Amino acid sequence: MPTSRRPGYAPVIFDDHIWSQDVTRTSAHGRWVATSTRREYDRRGCPVTALRRCEEEGVDGTRLPGCVKVYLPPPAGRFGMVFRIARDESGTKLAMLAFGVRHPPRHANVPSVYKLADRRLNAR
């Protein structure tokens, strides 16, 4: 059954440039989480039950109106993906904005997945 018609799953679009940036900057475990998730999403789509709404304005200053996220590995893993909703002639899809650590330690010099998504969505 094509991904766009699979009940309970949303088709996902990956931008290869964004994907490469995010997978390159993560740990070996993060790469494993990202690649295994992408393989599954390419094959089946993202389970709609795993999606959570992003805060429109986060306490960290991020702005992600209309975006959704997943925690990886499910149900509440350390990593996450943030998506914007994309529509075209074939229907509604999830366009990946970012992959990364959801809440990096303060001493770590890496942006959260939410800050990466905010920069890309709002061109900052």
N, C-alpha and C. Protein backbone atom coordinates (compact mmCIF):
# COMPACT_ATOMS: atom_id res chain seq x y z
N MET A 1 0.86 -1.18 0.00
CA MET A 1 0.00 0.00 0.00
C MET A 1 0.90 1.24 0.00
N PRO A 2 0.65 2.23 -0.85
CA PRO A 2 1.48 3.44 -0.86
C PRO A 2 1.41 4.17 0.48
N THR A 3 2.52 4.78 0.86
CA THR A 3 2.60 5.48 2.15
C THR A 3 1.48 6.49 2.31
N SER A 4 1.15 7.23 1.23
CA SER A 4 0.16 8.30 1.33
C SER A 4 -1.23 7.78 1.66
N ARG A 5 -1.46 6.47 1.52
CA ARG A 5 -2.79 5.93 1.80
C ARG A 5 -2.81 4.99 3.00
N ARG A 6 -1.69 4.81 3.65
CA ARG A 6 -1.63 3.89 4.79
C ARG A 6 -2.35 4.54 5.98
N PRO A 7 -3.43 3.93 6.46
CA PRO A 7 -4.15 4.50 7.59
C PRO A 7 -3.27 4.56 8.84
N GLY A 8 -3.32 5.71 9.52
CA GLY A 8 -2.58 5.86 10.75
C GLY A 8 -1.12 6.26 10.58
N TYR A 9 -0.69 6.50 9.34
CA TYR A 9 0.70 6.89 9.06
C TYR A 9 0.71 8.10 8.14
N ALA A 10 1.62 9.02 8.42
CA ALA A 10 1.76 10.21 7.59
C ALA A 10 3.04 10.09 6.76
N PRO A 11 2.96 10.35 5.46
CA PRO A 11 4.17 10.32 4.64
C PRO A 11 5.14 11.42 5.06
N VAL A 12 6.43 11.13 4.95
CA VAL A 12 7.47 12.06 5.39
C VAL A 12 8.38 12.41 4.22
N ILE A 13 8.72 13.70 4.12
CA ILE A 13 9.66 14.20 3.11
C ILE A 13 10.95 14.57 3.84
N PHE A 14 12.07 14.06 3.34
CA PHE A 14 13.38 14.39 3.91
C PHE A 14 14.17 15.22 2.90
N ASP A 15 14.70 16.35 3.35
CA ASP A 15 15.62 17.14 2.54
C ASP A 15 17.01 16.57 2.79
N ASP A 16 17.67 16.08 1.74
CA ASP A 16 18.96 15.41 1.91
C ASP A 16 20.05 16.31 2.49
N HIS A 17 20.00 17.60 2.18
CA HIS A 17 21.00 18.53 2.73
C HIS A 17 20.82 18.68 4.24
N ILE A 18 19.60 18.92 4.67
CA ILE A 18 19.30 19.03 6.10
C ILE A 18 19.64 17.72 6.80
N TRP A 19 19.23 16.62 6.19
CA TRP A 19 19.50 15.30 6.77
C TRP A 19 21.00 15.11 7.00
N SER A 20 21.78 15.40 6.01
CA SER A 20 23.23 15.22 6.10
C SER A 20 23.82 16.08 7.22
N GLN A 21 23.39 17.34 7.30
CA GLN A 21 23.88 18.22 8.36
C GLN A 21 23.59 17.65 9.74
N ASP A 22 22.35 17.23 9.95
CA ASP A 22 21.93 16.79 11.28
C ASP A 22 22.54 15.44 11.67
N VAL A 23 22.64 14.53 10.73
CA VAL A 23 23.19 13.21 11.03
C VAL A 23 24.71 13.29 11.25
N THR A 24 25.36 14.19 10.53
CA THR A 24 26.80 14.36 10.69
C THR A 24 27.16 14.90 12.06
N ARG A 25 26.34 15.78 12.61
CA ARG A 25 26.69 16.44 13.88
C ARG A 25 26.30 15.64 15.11
N THR A 26 25.64 14.51 14.95
CA THR A 26 25.18 13.76 16.13
C THR A 26 26.17 12.64 16.48
N SER A 27 25.91 11.98 17.57
CA SER A 27 26.74 10.87 18.04
C SER A 27 26.48 9.61 17.21
N ALA A 28 27.29 8.59 17.43
CA ALA A 28 27.09 7.31 16.72
C ALA A 28 25.71 6.74 17.06
N HIS A 29 25.32 6.84 18.33
CA HIS A 29 23.98 6.36 18.71
C HIS A 29 22.90 7.20 18.03
N GLY A 30 23.10 8.51 17.97
CA GLY A 30 22.15 9.39 17.29
C GLY A 30 22.02 9.03 15.82
N ARG A 31 23.14 8.73 15.16
CA ARG A 31 23.10 8.33 13.74
C ARG A 31 22.29 7.05 13.57
N TRP A 32 22.48 6.11 14.49
CA TRP A 32 21.73 4.86 14.42
C TRP A 32 20.23 5.13 14.58
N VAL A 33 19.88 5.95 15.57
CA VAL A 33 18.46 6.30 15.80
C VAL A 33 17.89 6.98 14.55
N ALA A 34 18.62 7.95 14.02
CA ALA A 34 18.15 8.72 12.86
C ALA A 34 17.98 7.82 11.64
N THR A 35 18.99 7.02 11.32
CA THR A 35 18.91 6.21 10.09
C THR A 35 17.87 5.11 10.20
N SER A 36 17.75 4.49 11.36
CA SER A 36 16.72 3.45 11.49
C SER A 36 15.32 4.07 11.43
N THR A 37 15.16 5.27 12.00
CA THR A 37 13.86 5.96 11.93
C THR A 37 13.55 6.35 10.49
N ARG A 38 14.54 6.91 9.79
CA ARG A 38 14.29 7.32 8.41
C ARG A 38 13.92 6.11 7.54
N ARG A 39 14.61 5.02 7.73
CA ARG A 39 14.31 3.80 6.95
C ARG A 39 12.85 3.40 7.16
N GLU A 40 12.41 3.44 8.40
CA GLU A 40 11.02 3.09 8.71
C GLU A 40 10.04 4.12 8.13
N TYR A 41 10.35 5.40 8.26
CA TYR A 41 9.46 6.43 7.75
C TYR A 41 9.41 6.42 6.22
N ASP A 42 10.52 6.12 5.58
CA ASP A 42 10.52 6.00 4.11
C ASP A 42 9.63 4.83 3.67
N ARG A 43 9.64 3.78 4.46
CA ARG A 43 8.90 2.57 4.10
C ARG A 43 7.42 2.68 4.43
N ARG A 44 7.10 3.14 5.65
CA ARG A 44 5.73 3.12 6.12
C ARG A 44 5.12 4.49 6.36
N GLY A 45 5.96 5.50 6.60
CA GLY A 45 5.48 6.80 7.05
C GLY A 45 5.65 6.89 8.56
N CYS A 46 5.31 8.03 9.11
CA CYS A 46 5.41 8.27 10.55
C CYS A 46 4.08 7.93 11.21
N PRO A 47 4.11 7.11 12.27
CA PRO A 47 2.85 6.81 12.94
C PRO A 47 2.22 8.08 13.52
N VAL A 48 1.00 8.34 13.16
CA VAL A 48 0.31 9.54 13.61
C VAL A 48 0.20 9.57 15.13
N THR A 49 0.08 8.42 15.75
CA THR A 49 -0.04 8.37 17.21
C THR A 49 1.24 8.82 17.92
N ALA A 50 2.38 8.84 17.22
CA ALA A 50 3.65 9.27 17.81
C ALA A 50 3.82 10.79 17.76
N LEU A 51 3.03 11.47 16.95
CA LEU A 51 3.18 12.92 16.78
C LEU A 51 2.67 13.70 17.98
N ARG A 52 3.44 14.73 18.31
CA ARG A 52 3.06 15.66 19.37
C ARG A 52 3.15 17.07 18.81
N ARG A 53 2.27 17.92 19.22
CA ARG A 53 2.30 19.32 18.77
C ARG A 53 3.46 20.05 19.45
N CYS A 54 4.19 20.83 18.68
CA CYS A 54 5.25 21.69 19.24
C CYS A 54 4.60 22.92 19.85
N GLU A 55 5.23 23.47 20.87
CA GLU A 55 4.76 24.73 21.43
C GLU A 55 4.96 25.81 20.38
N GLU A 56 3.97 26.67 20.20
CA GLU A 56 4.12 27.75 19.21
C GLU A 56 5.27 28.67 19.59
N GLU A 57 5.38 28.98 20.88
CA GLU A 57 6.50 29.78 21.38
C GLU A 57 7.05 29.07 22.61
N GLY A 58 8.28 28.54 22.47
CA GLY A 58 8.90 27.79 23.55
C GLY A 58 9.56 28.70 24.58
N VAL A 59 9.79 28.18 25.76
CA VAL A 59 10.44 28.95 26.81
C VAL A 59 11.88 29.29 26.44
N ASP A 60 12.44 28.58 25.47
CA ASP A 60 13.81 28.85 25.02
C ASP A 60 13.85 29.88 23.87
N GLY A 61 12.70 30.48 23.56
CA GLY A 61 12.64 31.50 22.52
C GLY A 61 12.35 30.96 21.13
N THR A 62 12.16 29.64 21.02
CA THR A 62 11.86 29.06 19.71
C THR A 62 10.42 29.36 19.32
N ARG A 63 10.21 29.47 18.02
CA ARG A 63 8.87 29.67 17.47
C ARG A 63 8.62 28.58 16.43
N LEU A 64 7.69 27.67 16.76
CA LEU A 64 7.41 26.54 15.88
C LEU A 64 5.90 26.37 15.67
N PRO A 65 5.22 27.44 15.22
CA PRO A 65 3.77 27.34 15.03
C PRO A 65 3.43 26.33 13.94
N GLY A 66 2.44 25.50 14.24
CA GLY A 66 1.98 24.53 13.25
C GLY A 66 2.91 23.36 13.06
N CYS A 67 3.94 23.23 13.88
CA CYS A 67 4.89 22.12 13.74
C CYS A 67 4.54 20.98 14.69
N VAL A 68 5.01 19.80 14.34
CA VAL A 68 4.83 18.62 15.18
C VAL A 68 6.19 17.96 15.37
N LYS A 69 6.26 17.09 16.38
CA LYS A 69 7.52 16.44 16.72
C LYS A 69 7.27 14.99 17.10
N VAL A 70 8.35 14.22 17.07
CA VAL A 70 8.35 12.86 17.60
C VAL A 70 9.57 12.72 18.50
N TYR A 71 9.43 11.89 19.52
CA TYR A 71 10.53 11.57 20.41
C TYR A 71 11.14 10.26 19.95
N LEU A 72 12.46 10.20 19.88
CA LEU A 72 13.14 9.03 19.35
C LEU A 72 14.25 8.57 20.29
N PRO A 73 14.42 7.28 20.49
CA PRO A 73 13.43 6.26 20.11
C PRO A 73 12.16 6.41 20.96
N PRO A 74 11.03 5.98 20.39
CA PRO A 74 9.77 6.09 21.12
C PRO A 74 9.83 5.28 22.42
N PRO A 75 9.10 5.64 23.43
CA PRO A 75 8.12 6.70 23.44
C PRO A 75 8.68 8.05 23.90
N ALA A 76 9.83 8.09 24.56
CA ALA A 76 10.30 9.36 25.11
C ALA A 76 11.83 9.45 25.07
N GLY A 77 12.41 9.04 23.96
CA GLY A 77 13.86 9.01 23.84
C GLY A 77 14.52 10.37 23.90
N ARG A 78 15.82 10.35 23.93
CA ARG A 78 16.66 11.54 24.06
C ARG A 78 16.66 12.40 22.80
N PHE A 79 16.39 11.80 21.65
CA PHE A 79 16.43 12.50 20.37
C PHE A 79 15.02 12.83 19.90
N GLY A 80 14.96 13.68 18.88
CA GLY A 80 13.66 14.02 18.32
C GLY A 80 13.79 14.48 16.88
N MET A 81 12.66 14.49 16.19
CA MET A 81 12.54 15.09 14.86
C MET A 81 11.41 16.08 14.94
N VAL A 82 11.59 17.20 14.25
CA VAL A 82 10.55 18.23 14.16
C VAL A 82 10.16 18.33 12.70
N PHE A 83 8.86 18.43 12.45
CA PHE A 83 8.31 18.49 11.10
C PHE A 83 7.40 19.70 10.94
N ARG A 84 7.36 20.22 9.73
CA ARG A 84 6.32 21.18 9.36
C ARG A 84 5.34 20.42 8.48
N ILE A 85 4.13 20.90 8.43
CA ILE A 85 3.10 20.28 7.59
C ILE A 85 3.27 20.83 6.18
N ALA A 86 3.34 19.94 5.20
CA ALA A 86 3.49 20.34 3.79
C ALA A 86 2.32 19.76 3.01
N ARG A 87 1.82 20.56 2.11
CA ARG A 87 0.71 20.10 1.25
C ARG A 87 1.09 20.28 -0.20
N ASP A 88 0.74 19.31 -1.02
CA ASP A 88 0.91 19.43 -2.46
C ASP A 88 -0.25 18.72 -3.14
N GLU A 89 -0.15 18.57 -4.45
CA GLU A 89 -1.26 17.97 -5.20
C GLU A 89 -1.57 16.54 -4.78
N SER A 90 -0.61 15.86 -4.17
CA SER A 90 -0.85 14.47 -3.76
C SER A 90 -1.34 14.36 -2.31
N GLY A 91 -1.41 15.48 -1.60
CA GLY A 91 -1.94 15.43 -0.24
C GLY A 91 -1.04 16.09 0.80
N THR A 92 -1.31 15.76 2.05
CA THR A 92 -0.58 16.33 3.18
C THR A 92 0.56 15.41 3.58
N LYS A 93 1.70 16.01 3.89
CA LYS A 93 2.90 15.27 4.28
C LYS A 93 3.58 15.98 5.43
N LEU A 94 4.53 15.29 6.04
CA LEU A 94 5.39 15.89 7.05
C LEU A 94 6.73 16.16 6.40
N ALA A 95 7.21 17.39 6.48
CA ALA A 95 8.53 17.75 5.95
C ALA A 95 9.47 17.91 7.14
N MET A 96 10.52 17.08 7.21
CA MET A 96 11.43 17.14 8.34
C MET A 96 12.20 18.45 8.34
N LEU A 97 12.15 19.14 9.49
CA LEU A 97 12.92 20.37 9.67
C LEU A 97 14.24 20.12 10.38
N ALA A 98 14.24 19.15 11.31
CA ALA A 98 15.46 18.93 12.09
C ALA A 98 15.42 17.59 12.81
N PHE A 99 16.61 17.05 13.05
CA PHE A 99 16.83 15.89 13.91
C PHE A 99 17.93 16.27 14.90
N GLY A 100 17.79 15.87 16.14
CA GLY A 100 18.84 16.11 17.11
C GLY A 100 18.41 15.78 18.52
N VAL A 101 19.25 16.18 19.46
CA VAL A 101 18.98 15.97 20.88
C VAL A 101 17.86 16.92 21.29
N ARG A 102 16.91 16.40 22.02
CA ARG A 102 15.77 17.23 22.44
C ARG A 102 16.19 18.30 23.43
N HIS A 103 16.91 17.90 24.46
CA HIS A 103 17.31 18.85 25.50
C HIS A 103 18.76 18.57 25.88
N PRO A 104 19.72 19.15 25.12
CA PRO A 104 21.13 18.91 25.44
C PRO A 104 21.49 19.53 26.79
N PRO A 105 22.49 18.95 27.46
CA PRO A 105 22.93 19.54 28.73
C PRO A 105 23.40 20.99 28.51
N ARG A 106 23.27 21.81 29.51
CA ARG A 106 23.63 23.23 29.39
C ARG A 106 25.09 23.43 28.99
N HIS A 107 25.97 22.56 29.47
CA HIS A 107 27.39 22.71 29.16
C HIS A 107 27.75 22.25 27.74
N ALA A 108 26.84 21.54 27.10
CA ALA A 108 27.08 21.08 25.72
C ALA A 108 26.93 22.27 24.78
N ASN A 109 27.77 22.33 23.80
CA ASN A 109 27.72 23.44 22.86
C ASN A 109 27.01 23.02 21.58
N VAL A 110 25.81 22.44 21.75
CA VAL A 110 25.01 22.01 20.60
C VAL A 110 23.60 22.55 20.75
N PRO A 111 23.00 22.97 19.65
CA PRO A 111 21.62 23.44 19.73
C PRO A 111 20.65 22.26 19.85
N SER A 112 19.54 22.49 20.50
CA SER A 112 18.50 21.46 20.58
C SER A 112 17.86 21.28 19.21
N VAL A 113 17.16 20.18 19.04
CA VAL A 113 16.44 19.95 17.80
C VAL A 113 15.42 21.06 17.56
N TYR A 114 14.89 21.64 18.63
CA TYR A 114 13.91 22.71 18.51
C TYR A 114 14.55 24.00 18.00
N LYS A 115 15.76 24.30 18.47
CA LYS A 115 16.46 25.49 17.98
C LYS A 115 16.87 25.33 16.52
N LEU A 116 17.31 24.12 16.13
CA LEU A 116 17.63 23.88 14.73
C LEU A 116 16.39 24.09 13.86
N ALA A 117 15.26 23.53 14.29
CA ALA A 117 14.02 23.66 13.52
C ALA A 117 13.58 25.12 13.44
N ASP A 118 13.70 25.85 14.55
CA ASP A 118 13.33 27.26 14.57
C ASP A 118 14.17 28.06 13.57
N ARG A 119 15.47 27.83 13.57
CA ARG A 119 16.35 28.56 12.62
C ARG A 119 15.95 28.29 11.18
N ARG A 120 15.65 27.03 10.88
CA ARG A 120 15.29 26.68 9.50
C ARG A 120 13.90 27.18 9.12
N LEU A 121 12.96 27.08 10.02
CA LEU A 121 11.60 27.52 9.73
C LEU A 121 11.51 29.02 9.61
N ASN A 122 12.22 29.72 10.48
CA ASN A 122 12.14 31.17 10.53
C ASN A 122 13.34 31.87 9.90
N ALA A 123 14.16 31.10 9.20
CA ALA A 123 15.34 31.63 8.46
C ALA A 123 16.21 32.53 9.32
N ARG A 124 16.58 31.98 10.51
CA ARG A 124 17.48 32.73 11.39
C ARG A 124 18.81 32.02 11.46
